[in-house]
Amino acid sequence: MMQFLAAVALSCLTALSAFAAERPQTDSNAQQAADVLVELSWRSGIREAELSRLLANCNANPQSLYLCAWRNQIATDRALGSVLADKALRRPECRATIENRIADWARLRDASCERRTREKWGDGPIAPTARLRCIEEETARMTSRLARARRCDLQ
């Protein structure tokens, strides 16, 4: 099931990357932020206008803090997907190997972040936000590692 979800996500991200490549790059950051807001709205069920208000000050309250962490986690996932799509286009022979490694890594990342969050925060109110931050940090590290990779095995 996880591989299926990863494949679906990769397909969506590949399509989004291809679509994004057709847009002028002058407003790339603004468009990426807007795309993340749309995705967060879809995932959370909160209207974009309300999300914008809640995201304006991440330290305003626990809900804003959590939503900012979720927004950042989505942005790093999208960045990883973009690098993955680029690698797949540049090295099609590596696509399956890299996708499988990323899917395995994502399972380990999630389990590790869950364990580390429970050890540090237990089931406290900050735990979900801390877990998202952990996932964001690990995903950013993998994105950098994947971007530098010269071989199919990510070494």
N, C-alpha and C. Protein backbone atom coordinates (compact mmCIF):
# COMPACT_ATOMS: atom_id res chain seq x y z
N MET A 1 0.82 -1.19 0.00
CA MET A 1 0.00 0.00 0.00
C MET A 1 0.87 1.26 0.00
N MET A 2 1.95 1.25 0.81
CA MET A 2 2.84 2.41 0.88
C MET A 2 3.50 2.67 -0.47
N GLN A 3 3.90 1.60 -1.18
CA GLN A 3 4.52 1.78 -2.48
C GLN A 3 3.52 2.35 -3.47
N PHE A 4 2.27 1.91 -3.38
CA PHE A 4 1.23 2.44 -4.25
C PHE A 4 1.05 3.93 -4.00
N LEU A 5 0.98 4.33 -2.71
CA LEU A 5 0.82 5.74 -2.38
C LEU A 5 2.03 6.54 -2.84
N ALA A 6 3.21 5.98 -2.67
CA ALA A 6 4.42 6.67 -3.12
C ALA A 6 4.41 6.83 -4.63
N ALA A 7 3.95 5.81 -5.35
CA ALA A 7 3.88 5.88 -6.81
C ALA A 7 2.87 6.93 -7.25
N VAL A 8 1.73 6.98 -6.58
CA VAL A 8 0.71 7.98 -6.91
C VAL A 8 1.25 9.37 -6.63
N ALA A 9 1.89 9.54 -5.47
CA ALA A 9 2.44 10.85 -5.13
C ALA A 9 3.51 11.25 -6.13
N LEU A 10 4.37 10.31 -6.51
CA LEU A 10 5.42 10.61 -7.48
C LEU A 10 4.82 11.00 -8.82
N SER A 11 3.78 10.30 -9.24
CA SER A 11 3.13 10.63 -10.51
C SER A 11 2.56 12.05 -10.46
N CYS A 12 1.91 12.37 -9.36
CA CYS A 12 1.35 13.72 -9.21
C CYS A 12 2.46 14.77 -9.21
N LEU A 13 3.52 14.48 -8.47
CA LEU A 13 4.61 15.44 -8.40
C LEU A 13 5.32 15.59 -9.74
N THR A 14 5.44 14.50 -10.49
CA THR A 14 6.04 14.57 -11.81
C THR A 14 5.19 15.44 -12.71
N ALA A 15 3.89 15.24 -12.67
CA ALA A 15 2.99 16.06 -13.48
C ALA A 15 3.06 17.52 -13.06
N LEU A 16 3.08 17.76 -11.75
CA LEU A 16 3.18 19.13 -11.26
C LEU A 16 4.51 19.77 -11.66
N SER A 17 5.59 18.98 -11.63
CA SER A 17 6.89 19.51 -12.03
C SER A 17 6.90 19.87 -13.50
N ALA A 18 6.31 19.02 -14.33
CA ALA A 18 6.24 19.31 -15.76
C ALA A 18 5.41 20.56 -16.00
N PHE A 19 4.29 20.69 -15.30
CA PHE A 19 3.44 21.86 -15.43
C PHE A 19 4.19 23.11 -14.96
N ALA A 20 4.88 22.99 -13.84
CA ALA A 20 5.61 24.12 -13.28
C ALA A 20 6.73 24.57 -14.21
N ALA A 21 7.33 23.63 -14.94
CA ALA A 21 8.43 23.97 -15.85
C ALA A 21 7.95 24.86 -16.99
N GLU A 22 6.66 24.81 -17.30
CA GLU A 22 6.11 25.62 -18.38
C GLU A 22 5.84 27.06 -17.94
N ARG A 23 5.78 27.32 -16.63
CA ARG A 23 5.48 28.65 -16.11
C ARG A 23 6.74 29.51 -16.13
N PRO A 24 6.58 30.82 -16.26
CA PRO A 24 7.74 31.70 -16.13
C PRO A 24 8.36 31.55 -14.74
N GLN A 25 9.65 31.62 -14.65
CA GLN A 25 10.34 31.43 -13.38
C GLN A 25 10.38 32.68 -12.52
N THR A 26 9.88 33.80 -13.02
CA THR A 26 9.95 35.04 -12.26
C THR A 26 9.16 34.98 -10.96
N ASP A 27 8.05 34.26 -10.97
CA ASP A 27 7.24 34.18 -9.77
C ASP A 27 7.22 32.76 -9.21
N SER A 28 8.31 32.06 -9.41
CA SER A 28 8.39 30.66 -9.01
C SER A 28 8.15 30.45 -7.52
N ASN A 29 8.80 31.23 -6.66
CA ASN A 29 8.63 31.05 -5.22
C ASN A 29 7.21 31.35 -4.78
N ALA A 30 6.64 32.41 -5.33
CA ALA A 30 5.26 32.75 -4.97
C ALA A 30 4.31 31.65 -5.43
N GLN A 31 4.55 31.11 -6.62
CA GLN A 31 3.68 30.04 -7.12
C GLN A 31 3.84 28.78 -6.28
N GLN A 32 5.06 28.47 -5.88
CA GLN A 32 5.29 27.29 -5.04
C GLN A 32 4.57 27.46 -3.71
N ALA A 33 4.65 28.64 -3.12
CA ALA A 33 3.96 28.90 -1.85
C ALA A 33 2.45 28.78 -2.02
N ALA A 34 1.94 29.28 -3.14
CA ALA A 34 0.50 29.17 -3.42
C ALA A 34 0.10 27.71 -3.60
N ASP A 35 0.93 26.94 -4.29
CA ASP A 35 0.64 25.51 -4.50
C ASP A 35 0.63 24.76 -3.18
N VAL A 36 1.56 25.09 -2.29
CA VAL A 36 1.61 24.45 -0.97
C VAL A 36 0.36 24.82 -0.18
N LEU A 37 -0.05 26.07 -0.26
CA LEU A 37 -1.26 26.50 0.45
C LEU A 37 -2.49 25.75 -0.06
N VAL A 38 -2.59 25.58 -1.36
CA VAL A 38 -3.71 24.83 -1.94
C VAL A 38 -3.70 23.39 -1.43
N GLU A 39 -2.52 22.77 -1.43
CA GLU A 39 -2.42 21.39 -0.96
C GLU A 39 -2.76 21.28 0.53
N LEU A 40 -2.26 22.22 1.32
CA LEU A 40 -2.56 22.20 2.75
C LEU A 40 -4.06 22.40 2.98
N SER A 41 -4.67 23.27 2.22
CA SER A 41 -6.11 23.48 2.33
C SER A 41 -6.86 22.19 2.00
N TRP A 42 -6.44 21.54 0.94
CA TRP A 42 -7.08 20.28 0.53
C TRP A 42 -6.92 19.22 1.61
N ARG A 43 -5.70 19.08 2.15
CA ARG A 43 -5.45 18.05 3.16
C ARG A 43 -6.15 18.34 4.48
N SER A 44 -6.18 19.60 4.87
CA SER A 44 -6.72 19.97 6.18
C SER A 44 -8.22 20.23 6.17
N GLY A 45 -8.75 20.56 5.00
CA GLY A 45 -10.16 20.92 4.94
C GLY A 45 -10.44 22.35 5.38
N ILE A 46 -9.40 23.14 5.54
CA ILE A 46 -9.53 24.54 5.96
C ILE A 46 -9.41 25.42 4.71
N ARG A 47 -10.33 26.37 4.58
CA ARG A 47 -10.30 27.27 3.43
C ARG A 47 -8.97 28.02 3.37
N GLU A 48 -8.54 28.33 2.14
CA GLU A 48 -7.26 29.00 1.94
C GLU A 48 -7.18 30.35 2.65
N ALA A 49 -8.26 31.10 2.63
CA ALA A 49 -8.25 32.41 3.30
C ALA A 49 -8.03 32.25 4.80
N GLU A 50 -8.69 31.27 5.40
CA GLU A 50 -8.51 31.00 6.83
C GLU A 50 -7.08 30.52 7.11
N LEU A 51 -6.57 29.64 6.23
CA LEU A 51 -5.19 29.17 6.39
C LEU A 51 -4.21 30.33 6.32
N SER A 52 -4.40 31.21 5.38
CA SER A 52 -3.50 32.36 5.25
C SER A 52 -3.47 33.16 6.54
N ARG A 53 -4.63 33.34 7.14
CA ARG A 53 -4.71 34.08 8.41
C ARG A 53 -3.97 33.32 9.51
N LEU A 54 -4.18 32.00 9.58
CA LEU A 54 -3.54 31.20 10.63
C LEU A 54 -2.03 31.08 10.43
N LEU A 55 -1.60 31.11 9.18
CA LEU A 55 -0.17 30.97 8.87
C LEU A 55 0.59 32.30 8.95
N ALA A 56 -0.13 33.39 9.09
CA ALA A 56 0.52 34.71 9.12
C ALA A 56 1.45 34.86 10.31
N ASN A 57 1.11 34.23 11.43
CA ASN A 57 1.95 34.28 12.63
C ASN A 57 2.02 32.88 13.21
N CYS A 58 3.08 32.18 12.91
CA CYS A 58 3.20 30.78 13.34
C CYS A 58 3.22 30.62 14.86
N ASN A 59 3.61 31.65 15.58
CA ASN A 59 3.69 31.57 17.03
C ASN A 59 2.44 32.09 17.74
N ALA A 60 1.42 32.39 16.98
CA ALA A 60 0.21 32.97 17.57
C ALA A 60 -0.49 32.03 18.53
N ASN A 61 -0.54 30.75 18.19
CA ASN A 61 -1.24 29.76 19.01
C ASN A 61 -0.81 28.36 18.56
N PRO A 62 -1.16 27.33 19.32
CA PRO A 62 -0.75 25.97 18.94
C PRO A 62 -1.24 25.54 17.56
N GLN A 63 -2.45 25.98 17.18
CA GLN A 63 -2.97 25.60 15.87
C GLN A 63 -2.12 26.21 14.75
N SER A 64 -1.76 27.46 14.88
CA SER A 64 -0.91 28.11 13.88
C SER A 64 0.47 27.45 13.82
N LEU A 65 1.01 27.13 14.97
CA LEU A 65 2.31 26.46 15.04
C LEU A 65 2.27 25.13 14.31
N TYR A 66 1.20 24.36 14.56
CA TYR A 66 1.04 23.06 13.90
C TYR A 66 0.85 23.23 12.39
N LEU A 67 0.01 24.16 11.99
CA LEU A 67 -0.24 24.36 10.56
C LEU A 67 1.00 24.85 9.83
N CYS A 68 1.80 25.68 10.48
CA CYS A 68 3.07 26.12 9.87
C CYS A 68 4.02 24.93 9.69
N ALA A 69 4.09 24.07 10.69
CA ALA A 69 4.93 22.87 10.57
C ALA A 69 4.43 21.98 9.44
N TRP A 70 3.12 21.83 9.33
CA TRP A 70 2.53 21.00 8.28
C TRP A 70 2.81 21.61 6.91
N ARG A 71 2.66 22.94 6.81
CA ARG A 71 2.96 23.63 5.55
C ARG A 71 4.42 23.39 5.15
N ASN A 72 5.33 23.52 6.10
CA ASN A 72 6.75 23.33 5.81
C ASN A 72 7.05 21.89 5.41
N GLN A 73 6.39 20.95 6.06
CA GLN A 73 6.58 19.54 5.73
C GLN A 73 6.09 19.27 4.30
N ILE A 74 4.96 19.84 3.92
CA ILE A 74 4.45 19.68 2.56
C ILE A 74 5.43 20.29 1.56
N ALA A 75 5.95 21.45 1.87
CA ALA A 75 6.90 22.11 0.97
C ALA A 75 8.16 21.26 0.77
N THR A 76 8.67 20.65 1.85
CA THR A 76 9.87 19.82 1.70
C THR A 76 9.54 18.53 0.95
N ASP A 77 8.35 17.97 1.16
CA ASP A 77 7.94 16.80 0.37
C ASP A 77 7.87 17.13 -1.11
N ARG A 78 7.35 18.29 -1.42
CA ARG A 78 7.25 18.71 -2.81
C ARG A 78 8.64 18.93 -3.41
N ALA A 79 9.55 19.49 -2.62
CA ALA A 79 10.92 19.68 -3.10
C ALA A 79 11.59 18.34 -3.36
N LEU A 80 11.40 17.38 -2.47
CA LEU A 80 11.93 16.04 -2.69
C LEU A 80 11.34 15.44 -3.95
N GLY A 81 10.04 15.59 -4.13
CA GLY A 81 9.38 15.06 -5.33
C GLY A 81 9.92 15.69 -6.60
N SER A 82 10.23 16.96 -6.54
CA SER A 82 10.79 17.66 -7.69
C SER A 82 12.18 17.13 -8.04
N VAL A 83 13.02 16.95 -7.03
CA VAL A 83 14.36 16.41 -7.26
C VAL A 83 14.25 14.97 -7.76
N LEU A 84 13.34 14.20 -7.20
CA LEU A 84 13.12 12.83 -7.64
C LEU A 84 12.67 12.78 -9.09
N ALA A 85 11.75 13.65 -9.47
CA ALA A 85 11.28 13.70 -10.85
C ALA A 85 12.42 14.08 -11.80
N ASP A 86 13.24 15.04 -11.36
CA ASP A 86 14.38 15.46 -12.17
C ASP A 86 15.36 14.31 -12.36
N LYS A 87 15.65 13.57 -11.29
CA LYS A 87 16.55 12.41 -11.39
C LYS A 87 15.97 11.36 -12.33
N ALA A 88 14.67 11.15 -12.23
CA ALA A 88 14.02 10.14 -13.09
C ALA A 88 14.11 10.54 -14.56
N LEU A 89 14.01 11.82 -14.84
CA LEU A 89 14.13 12.28 -16.23
C LEU A 89 15.56 12.19 -16.73
N ARG A 90 16.51 12.54 -15.86
CA ARG A 90 17.92 12.53 -16.27
C ARG A 90 18.53 11.13 -16.29
N ARG A 91 18.05 10.28 -15.39
CA ARG A 91 18.59 8.92 -15.29
C ARG A 91 17.44 7.91 -15.24
N PRO A 92 16.74 7.70 -16.35
CA PRO A 92 15.57 6.81 -16.32
C PRO A 92 15.90 5.39 -15.86
N GLU A 93 17.11 4.97 -16.08
CA GLU A 93 17.51 3.62 -15.64
C GLU A 93 17.55 3.51 -14.12
N CYS A 94 17.60 4.63 -13.44
CA CYS A 94 17.66 4.64 -11.98
C CYS A 94 16.29 4.81 -11.33
N ARG A 95 15.29 5.12 -12.09
CA ARG A 95 13.99 5.50 -11.53
C ARG A 95 13.46 4.48 -10.52
N ALA A 96 13.36 3.23 -10.90
CA ALA A 96 12.79 2.21 -10.01
C ALA A 96 13.63 2.04 -8.75
N THR A 97 14.94 2.00 -8.91
CA THR A 97 15.82 1.84 -7.76
C THR A 97 15.67 3.01 -6.79
N ILE A 98 15.69 4.21 -7.31
CA ILE A 98 15.59 5.39 -6.45
C ILE A 98 14.22 5.45 -5.79
N GLU A 99 13.16 5.19 -6.55
CA GLU A 99 11.81 5.23 -5.97
C GLU A 99 11.68 4.21 -4.84
N ASN A 100 12.22 3.02 -5.03
CA ASN A 100 12.16 2.00 -3.97
C ASN A 100 12.96 2.42 -2.75
N ARG A 101 14.13 2.99 -2.97
CA ARG A 101 14.96 3.46 -1.85
C ARG A 101 14.26 4.59 -1.09
N ILE A 102 13.64 5.49 -1.83
CA ILE A 102 12.93 6.60 -1.18
C ILE A 102 11.74 6.08 -0.39
N ALA A 103 11.00 5.12 -0.94
CA ALA A 103 9.85 4.55 -0.22
C ALA A 103 10.32 3.86 1.06
N ASP A 104 11.42 3.09 0.98
CA ASP A 104 11.96 2.44 2.19
C ASP A 104 12.42 3.49 3.19
N TRP A 105 13.13 4.50 2.70
CA TRP A 105 13.61 5.57 3.56
C TRP A 105 12.44 6.28 4.23
N ALA A 106 11.37 6.55 3.50
CA ALA A 106 10.23 7.27 4.07
C ALA A 106 9.60 6.49 5.22
N ARG A 107 9.50 5.17 5.07
CA ARG A 107 8.97 4.35 6.16
C ARG A 107 9.87 4.44 7.39
N LEU A 108 11.17 4.35 7.17
CA LEU A 108 12.13 4.45 8.29
C LEU A 108 12.10 5.85 8.90
N ARG A 109 12.02 6.87 8.07
CA ARG A 109 11.94 8.26 8.55
C ARG A 109 10.73 8.45 9.45
N ASP A 110 9.59 7.99 8.97
CA ASP A 110 8.35 8.17 9.74
C ASP A 110 8.42 7.44 11.08
N ALA A 111 8.92 6.21 11.06
CA ALA A 111 9.04 5.44 12.30
C ALA A 111 10.03 6.10 13.26
N SER A 112 11.15 6.57 12.72
CA SER A 112 12.16 7.22 13.55
C SER A 112 11.63 8.52 14.15
N CYS A 113 10.95 9.31 13.34
CA CYS A 113 10.40 10.57 13.85
C CYS A 113 9.31 10.30 14.89
N GLU A 114 8.52 9.28 14.67
CA GLU A 114 7.49 8.92 15.65
C GLU A 114 8.14 8.52 16.98
N ARG A 115 9.17 7.68 16.91
CA ARG A 115 9.86 7.22 18.11
C ARG A 115 10.54 8.38 18.83
N ARG A 116 11.27 9.22 18.09
CA ARG A 116 11.97 10.34 18.69
C ARG A 116 11.00 11.34 19.32
N THR A 117 9.87 11.55 18.65
CA THR A 117 8.87 12.47 19.20
C THR A 117 8.28 11.94 20.49
N ARG A 118 7.95 10.65 20.50
CA ARG A 118 7.38 10.05 21.72
C ARG A 118 8.38 10.10 22.87
N GLU A 119 9.68 9.82 22.57
CA GLU A 119 10.70 9.85 23.61
C GLU A 119 10.83 11.25 24.22
N LYS A 120 10.76 12.26 23.38
CA LYS A 120 10.97 13.62 23.87
C LYS A 120 9.70 14.29 24.38
N TRP A 121 8.57 14.06 23.71
CA TRP A 121 7.35 14.80 24.02
C TRP A 121 6.20 13.93 24.52
N GLY A 122 6.37 12.62 24.48
CA GLY A 122 5.27 11.74 24.88
C GLY A 122 4.06 11.97 24.01
N ASP A 123 2.90 12.03 24.63
CA ASP A 123 1.66 12.31 23.89
C ASP A 123 1.21 13.75 24.13
N GLY A 124 2.13 14.60 24.52
CA GLY A 124 1.80 15.99 24.84
C GLY A 124 1.29 16.76 23.64
N PRO A 125 0.79 17.94 23.88
CA PRO A 125 0.17 18.73 22.81
C PRO A 125 1.14 19.18 21.71
N ILE A 126 2.42 19.24 22.02
CA ILE A 126 3.39 19.67 21.02
C ILE A 126 3.88 18.50 20.16
N ALA A 127 3.59 17.27 20.54
CA ALA A 127 4.10 16.09 19.85
C ALA A 127 3.78 16.07 18.35
N PRO A 128 2.54 16.33 17.92
CA PRO A 128 2.27 16.30 16.48
C PRO A 128 3.10 17.34 15.70
N THR A 129 3.28 18.51 16.28
CA THR A 129 4.08 19.54 15.62
C THR A 129 5.55 19.11 15.57
N ALA A 130 6.05 18.56 16.65
CA ALA A 130 7.44 18.10 16.68
C ALA A 130 7.68 16.98 15.67
N ARG A 131 6.70 16.10 15.53
CA ARG A 131 6.82 15.01 14.55
C ARG A 131 6.91 15.58 13.14
N LEU A 132 6.07 16.55 12.82
CA LEU A 132 6.11 17.16 11.49
C LEU A 132 7.45 17.86 11.24
N ARG A 133 7.97 18.52 12.26
CA ARG A 133 9.27 19.18 12.12
C ARG A 133 10.39 18.16 11.88
N CYS A 134 10.32 17.05 12.57
CA CYS A 134 11.31 15.98 12.37
C CYS A 134 11.24 15.48 10.93
N ILE A 135 10.03 15.23 10.45
CA ILE A 135 9.85 14.75 9.08
C ILE A 135 10.38 15.77 8.09
N GLU A 136 10.10 17.03 8.35
CA GLU A 136 10.59 18.10 7.47
C GLU A 136 12.13 18.10 7.42
N GLU A 137 12.77 18.03 8.57
CA GLU A 137 14.23 18.06 8.63
C GLU A 137 14.84 16.85 7.91
N GLU A 138 14.29 15.68 8.16
CA GLU A 138 14.82 14.47 7.52
C GLU A 138 14.59 14.50 6.01
N THR A 139 13.46 15.03 5.59
CA THR A 139 13.16 15.12 4.16
C THR A 139 14.10 16.11 3.49
N ALA A 140 14.38 17.22 4.14
CA ALA A 140 15.32 18.19 3.58
C ALA A 140 16.71 17.56 3.42
N ARG A 141 17.13 16.77 4.41
CA ARG A 141 18.42 16.08 4.30
C ARG A 141 18.43 15.11 3.12
N MET A 142 17.35 14.34 2.97
CA MET A 142 17.29 13.38 1.86
C MET A 142 17.24 14.11 0.51
N THR A 143 16.55 15.22 0.46
CA THR A 143 16.48 15.99 -0.79
C THR A 143 17.88 16.43 -1.20
N SER A 144 18.64 16.91 -0.25
CA SER A 144 20.01 17.33 -0.52
C SER A 144 20.86 16.14 -0.96
N ARG A 145 20.71 15.05 -0.26
CA ARG A 145 21.47 13.83 -0.59
C ARG A 145 21.11 13.34 -1.99
N LEU A 146 19.83 13.32 -2.32
CA LEU A 146 19.39 12.87 -3.63
C LEU A 146 19.88 13.82 -4.72
N ALA A 147 19.86 15.10 -4.46
CA ALA A 147 20.32 16.08 -5.45
C ALA A 147 21.81 15.89 -5.77
N ARG A 148 22.58 15.49 -4.77
CA ARG A 148 24.02 15.27 -4.98
C ARG A 148 24.36 13.90 -5.55
N ALA A 149 23.41 12.96 -5.49
CA ALA A 149 23.67 11.57 -5.87
C ALA A 149 24.09 11.48 -7.34
N ARG A 150 25.09 10.70 -7.58
CA ARG A 150 25.58 10.48 -8.94
C ARG A 150 25.30 9.06 -9.44
N ARG A 151 24.88 8.20 -8.50
CA ARG A 151 24.62 6.80 -8.85
C ARG A 151 23.20 6.46 -8.50
N CYS A 152 22.74 5.32 -9.01
CA CYS A 152 21.37 4.89 -8.78
C CYS A 152 21.10 4.52 -7.32
N ASP A 153 22.12 4.11 -6.58
CA ASP A 153 21.91 3.62 -5.22
C ASP A 153 21.99 4.72 -4.16
N LEU A 154 22.01 5.98 -4.57
CA LEU A 154 22.05 7.13 -3.66
C LEU A 154 23.31 7.19 -2.79
N GLN A 155 24.36 6.54 -3.17
CA GLN A 155 25.62 6.59 -2.41
C GLN A 155 26.41 7.81 -2.78
